[in-house]
């Protein structure tokens, strides 16, 4: 009985409040997008302006919250050991459609400067694999991003 009570209180302590959980989920998504932005080792103006817009759309947050999230993601970027720590959070809390939208946004960022760097491509493919997306979905999302870039 005492062991069950201890376990209950431990679980209660370990459970983040809904705002904290939502922030962690949003931060994971922002970090994934930021990985694409910095894959070619420079931040292009088109990428810099597109990133907050994509965060606003994907996460349904305000422009101010998007910019704060980007700043926090930049600060936490060097502490990351792998993409898995971000994709595992996204896998746990995003629907298939949300995952697809996130990968589409990654492609849009990659093509924002008009060219795809091989490191951007590798990061997106690795993330899609860790998000359990099919290769055909990945290609469809890439093609949609290319089409949007042409019409922009």
C-alpha atoms as a PDB file:
ATOM      1  CA  UNK A   1       0.000   0.000   0.000  1.00  0.00           C
ATOM      2  CA  UNK A   2       2.761   2.442   0.929  1.00  0.00           C
ATOM      3  CA  UNK A   3       4.690   1.528  -2.213  1.00  0.00           C
ATOM      4  CA  UNK A   4       1.624   2.334  -4.346  1.00  0.00           C
ATOM      5  CA  UNK A   5       1.203   5.689  -2.615  1.00  0.00           C
ATOM      6  CA  UNK A   6       4.852   6.533  -3.186  1.00  0.00           C
ATOM      7  CA  UNK A   7       4.507   5.583  -6.870  1.00  0.00           C
ATOM      8  CA  UNK A   8       1.364   7.718  -7.174  1.00  0.00           C
ATOM      9  CA  UNK A   9       3.092  10.783  -5.674  1.00  0.00           C
ATOM     10  CA  UNK A  10       6.161  10.245  -7.849  1.00  0.00           C
ATOM     11  CA  UNK A  11       3.985  10.099 -10.987  1.00  0.00           C
ATOM     12  CA  UNK A  12       2.132  13.192  -9.833  1.00  0.00           C
ATOM     13  CA  UNK A  13       5.423  15.068  -9.441  1.00  0.00           C
ATOM     14  CA  UNK A  14       6.746  13.882 -12.799  1.00  0.00           C
ATOM     15  CA  UNK A  15       3.606  14.912 -14.700  1.00  0.00           C
ATOM     16  CA  UNK A  16       4.122  18.369 -16.222  1.00  0.00           C
ATOM     17  CA  UNK A  17       1.261  20.813 -16.260  1.00  0.00           C
ATOM     18  CA  UNK A  18      -0.523  21.215 -19.632  1.00  0.00           C
ATOM     19  CA  UNK A  19       1.173  24.539 -20.424  1.00  0.00           C
ATOM     20  CA  UNK A  20       4.613  23.125 -19.692  1.00  0.00           C
ATOM     21  CA  UNK A  21       3.861  20.062 -21.817  1.00  0.00           C
ATOM     22  CA  UNK A  22       2.598  22.175 -24.731  1.00  0.00           C
ATOM     23  CA  UNK A  23       5.713  24.321 -24.525  1.00  0.00           C
ATOM     24  CA  UNK A  24       7.981  21.245 -24.593  1.00  0.00           C
ATOM     25  CA  UNK A  25       6.155  19.895 -27.638  1.00  0.00           C
ATOM     26  CA  UNK A  26       6.384  23.240 -29.432  1.00  0.00           C
ATOM     27  CA  UNK A  27      10.064  23.545 -28.540  1.00  0.00           C
ATOM     28  CA  UNK A  28      10.787  20.102 -30.006  1.00  0.00           C
ATOM     29  CA  UNK A  29       9.104  21.096 -33.277  1.00  0.00           C
ATOM     30  CA  UNK A  30      10.973  24.429 -33.348  1.00  0.00           C
ATOM     31  CA  UNK A  31      14.296  22.678 -32.764  1.00  0.00           C
ATOM     32  CA  UNK A  32      13.624  20.318 -35.667  1.00  0.00           C
ATOM     33  CA  UNK A  33      12.901  23.245 -37.974  1.00  0.00           C
ATOM     34  CA  UNK A  34      15.970  25.085 -36.722  1.00  0.00           C
ATOM     35  CA  UNK A  35      18.137  22.066 -37.523  1.00  0.00           C
ATOM     36  CA  UNK A  36      17.127  22.435 -41.165  1.00  0.00           C
ATOM     37  CA  UNK A  37      17.815  26.175 -41.113  1.00  0.00           C
ATOM     38  CA  UNK A  38      21.354  25.699 -39.799  1.00  0.00           C
ATOM     39  CA  UNK A  39      22.146  22.557 -41.827  1.00  0.00           C
ATOM     40  CA  UNK A  40      23.932  24.616 -44.478  1.00  0.00           C
ATOM     41  CA  UNK A  41      25.669  26.615 -41.716  1.00  0.00           C
ATOM     42  CA  UNK A  42      24.133  29.986 -42.515  1.00  0.00           C
ATOM     43  CA  UNK A  43      20.817  31.632 -41.897  1.00  0.00           C
ATOM     44  CA  UNK A  44      19.390  33.010 -45.113  1.00  0.00           C
ATOM     45  CA  UNK A  45      17.013  35.988 -44.970  1.00  0.00           C
ATOM     46  CA  UNK A  46      14.211  33.993 -46.592  1.00  0.00           C
ATOM     47  CA  UNK A  47      14.626  31.232 -44.008  1.00  0.00           C
ATOM     48  CA  UNK A  48      14.685  33.735 -41.151  1.00  0.00           C
ATOM     49  CA  UNK A  49      11.396  35.287 -42.220  1.00  0.00           C
ATOM     50  CA  UNK A  50       9.710  31.969 -43.056  1.00  0.00           C
ATOM     51  CA  UNK A  51      10.567  30.165 -39.813  1.00  0.00           C
ATOM     52  CA  UNK A  52       8.294  32.189 -37.478  1.00  0.00           C
ATOM     53  CA  UNK A  53       5.452  32.019 -40.003  1.00  0.00           C
ATOM     54  CA  UNK A  54       5.695  28.233 -40.161  1.00  0.00           C
ATOM     55  CA  UNK A  55       5.740  27.966 -36.378  1.00  0.00           C
ATOM     56  CA  UNK A  56       2.657  30.166 -36.125  1.00  0.00           C
ATOM     57  CA  UNK A  57       0.815  28.010 -38.680  1.00  0.00           C
ATOM     58  CA  UNK A  58       1.921  24.585 -37.431  1.00  0.00           C
ATOM     59  CA  UNK A  59       1.605  25.234 -33.720  1.00  0.00           C
ATOM     60  CA  UNK A  60      -1.223  27.776 -33.699  1.00  0.00           C
ATOM     61  CA  UNK A  61       0.787  30.286 -31.697  1.00  0.00           C
ATOM     62  CA  UNK A  62       1.234  34.049 -31.919  1.00  0.00           C
ATOM     63  CA  UNK A  63       4.087  35.765 -33.740  1.00  0.00           C
ATOM     64  CA  UNK A  64       5.548  36.839 -30.406  1.00  0.00           C
ATOM     65  CA  UNK A  65       5.429  33.275 -29.057  1.00  0.00           C
ATOM     66  CA  UNK A  66       7.012  31.987 -32.281  1.00  0.00           C
ATOM     67  CA  UNK A  67       9.934  34.401 -31.950  1.00  0.00           C
ATOM     68  CA  UNK A  68      10.421  33.505 -28.276  1.00  0.00           C
ATOM     69  CA  UNK A  69      10.354  29.825 -29.209  1.00  0.00           C
ATOM     70  CA  UNK A  70      12.996  30.379 -31.892  1.00  0.00           C
ATOM     71  CA  UNK A  71      15.231  32.175 -29.398  1.00  0.00           C
ATOM     72  CA  UNK A  72      14.858  29.353 -26.892  1.00  0.00           C
ATOM     73  CA  UNK A  73      15.475  26.728 -29.578  1.00  0.00           C
ATOM     74  CA  UNK A  74      18.670  28.539 -30.586  1.00  0.00           C
ATOM     75  CA  UNK A  75      19.876  28.539 -26.995  1.00  0.00           C
ATOM     76  CA  UNK A  76      19.096  24.832 -26.590  1.00  0.00           C
ATOM     77  CA  UNK A  77      20.400  23.819 -30.001  1.00  0.00           C
ATOM     78  CA  UNK A  78      23.938  23.014 -28.896  1.00  0.00           C
ATOM     79  CA  UNK A  79      22.716  20.865 -25.998  1.00  0.00           C
ATOM     80  CA  UNK A  80      20.975  18.419 -28.312  1.00  0.00           C
ATOM     81  CA  UNK A  81      22.663  15.074 -28.704  1.00  0.00           C
ATOM     82  CA  UNK A  82      20.470  13.727 -31.505  1.00  0.00           C
ATOM     83  CA  UNK A  83      17.318  14.346 -33.485  1.00  0.00           C
ATOM     84  CA  UNK A  84      15.669  11.499 -31.590  1.00  0.00           C
ATOM     85  CA  UNK A  85      15.109  13.635 -28.518  1.00  0.00           C
ATOM     86  CA  UNK A  86      12.953  15.972 -30.623  1.00  0.00           C
ATOM     87  CA  UNK A  87      11.240  13.389 -32.805  1.00  0.00           C
ATOM     88  CA  UNK A  88      10.312  11.212 -29.830  1.00  0.00           C
ATOM     89  CA  UNK A  89       8.342  14.112 -28.310  1.00  0.00           C
ATOM     90  CA  UNK A  90       6.693  14.843 -31.654  1.00  0.00           C
ATOM     91  CA  UNK A  91       5.855  11.154 -32.165  1.00  0.00           C
ATOM     92  CA  UNK A  92       4.205  10.966 -28.787  1.00  0.00           C
ATOM     93  CA  UNK A  93       2.006  14.041 -29.214  1.00  0.00           C
ATOM     94  CA  UNK A  94       1.487  14.793 -32.930  1.00  0.00           C
ATOM     95  CA  UNK A  95      -1.057  13.178 -35.205  1.00  0.00           C
ATOM     96  CA  UNK A  96       0.028  11.815 -38.590  1.00  0.00           C
ATOM     97  CA  UNK A  97      -1.238  14.996 -40.263  1.00  0.00           C
ATOM     98  CA  UNK A  98       0.719  17.192 -37.849  1.00  0.00           C
ATOM     99  CA  UNK A  99       3.884  15.185 -38.496  1.00  0.00           C
ATOM    100  CA  UNK A 100       3.367  15.532 -42.237  1.00  0.00           C
ATOM    101  CA  UNK A 101       2.821  19.281 -41.874  1.00  0.00           C
ATOM    102  CA  UNK A 102       6.021  19.578 -39.838  1.00  0.00           C
ATOM    103  CA  UNK A 103       8.030  17.719 -42.485  1.00  0.00           C
ATOM    104  CA  UNK A 104       6.430  19.858 -45.208  1.00  0.00           C
ATOM    105  CA  UNK A 105       7.586  22.921 -43.265  1.00  0.00           C
ATOM    106  CA  UNK A 106      11.081  21.467 -43.072  1.00  0.00           C
ATOM    107  CA  UNK A 107      11.098  21.087 -46.866  1.00  0.00           C
ATOM    108  CA  UNK A 108       9.785  24.643 -47.269  1.00  0.00           C
ATOM    109  CA  UNK A 109      12.636  25.960 -45.139  1.00  0.00           C
ATOM    110  CA  UNK A 110      15.154  23.910 -47.082  1.00  0.00           C
ATOM    111  CA  UNK A 111      13.951  25.366 -50.389  1.00  0.00           C
ATOM    112  CA  UNK A 112      13.411  28.914 -49.064  1.00  0.00           C
ATOM    113  CA  UNK A 113      16.808  30.067 -50.346  1.00  0.00           C
ATOM    114  CA  UNK A 114      16.180  28.524 -53.762  1.00  0.00           C
ATOM    115  CA  UNK A 115      18.436  25.496 -53.404  1.00  0.00           C
ATOM    116  CA  UNK A 116      18.550  22.304 -51.402  1.00  0.00           C
ATOM    117  CA  UNK A 117      21.755  21.598 -49.503  1.00  0.00           C
ATOM    118  CA  UNK A 118      22.581  17.909 -49.099  1.00  0.00           C
ATOM    119  CA  UNK A 119      22.739  18.356 -45.300  1.00  0.00           C
ATOM    120  CA  UNK A 120      19.229  19.812 -45.272  1.00  0.00           C
ATOM    121  CA  UNK A 121      18.063  16.820 -47.285  1.00  0.00           C
ATOM    122  CA  UNK A 122      19.756  14.390 -44.887  1.00  0.00           C
ATOM    123  CA  UNK A 123      18.232  15.991 -41.788  1.00  0.00           C
ATOM    124  CA  UNK A 124      14.740  16.003 -43.256  1.00  0.00           C
ATOM    125  CA  UNK A 125      15.012  12.391 -44.392  1.00  0.00           C
ATOM    126  CA  UNK A 126      16.339  11.314 -40.996  1.00  0.00           C
ATOM    127  CA  UNK A 127      13.523  13.165 -39.205  1.00  0.00           C
ATOM    128  CA  UNK A 128      10.890  11.671 -41.501  1.00  0.00           C
ATOM    129  CA  UNK A 129      12.280   8.227 -40.799  1.00  0.00           C
ATOM    130  CA  UNK A 130      12.232   8.851 -37.038  1.00  0.00           C
ATOM    131  CA  UNK A 131       8.652  10.119 -37.365  1.00  0.00           C
ATOM    132  CA  UNK A 132       7.717   6.833 -39.096  1.00  0.00           C
ATOM    133  CA  UNK A 133       6.630   8.517 -42.315  1.00  0.00           C
ATOM    134  CA  UNK A 134       6.680   6.472 -45.492  1.00  0.00           C
ATOM    135  CA  UNK A 135       9.162   7.297 -48.212  1.00  0.00           C
ATOM    136  CA  UNK A 136       6.286   8.045 -50.583  1.00  0.00           C
ATOM    137  CA  UNK A 137       4.899  10.580 -48.085  1.00  0.00           C
ATOM    138  CA  UNK A 138       8.307  12.199 -47.814  1.00  0.00           C
ATOM    139  CA  UNK A 139       8.542  12.597 -51.590  1.00  0.00           C
ATOM    140  CA  UNK A 140       4.987  13.958 -51.863  1.00  0.00           C
ATOM    141  CA  UNK A 141       5.731  16.521 -49.158  1.00  0.00           C
ATOM    142  CA  UNK A 142       8.959  17.529 -50.883  1.00  0.00           C
ATOM    143  CA  UNK A 143       7.116  17.984 -54.173  1.00  0.00           C
ATOM    144  CA  UNK A 144       4.468  20.127 -52.476  1.00  0.00           C
ATOM    145  CA  UNK A 145       7.189  22.327 -50.984  1.00  0.00           C
ATOM    146  CA  UNK A 146       8.867  22.710 -54.387  1.00  0.00           C
ATOM    147  CA  UNK A 147       5.539  23.628 -55.965  1.00  0.00           C
ATOM    148  CA  UNK A 148       4.871  26.228 -53.266  1.00  0.00           C
ATOM    149  CA  UNK A 149       8.343  27.687 -53.795  1.00  0.00           C
ATOM    150  CA  UNK A 150       7.687  28.068 -57.524  1.00  0.00           C
ATOM    151  CA  UNK A 151       4.455  29.950 -56.880  1.00  0.00           C
ATOM    152  CA  UNK A 152       5.894  32.185 -54.170  1.00  0.00           C
END
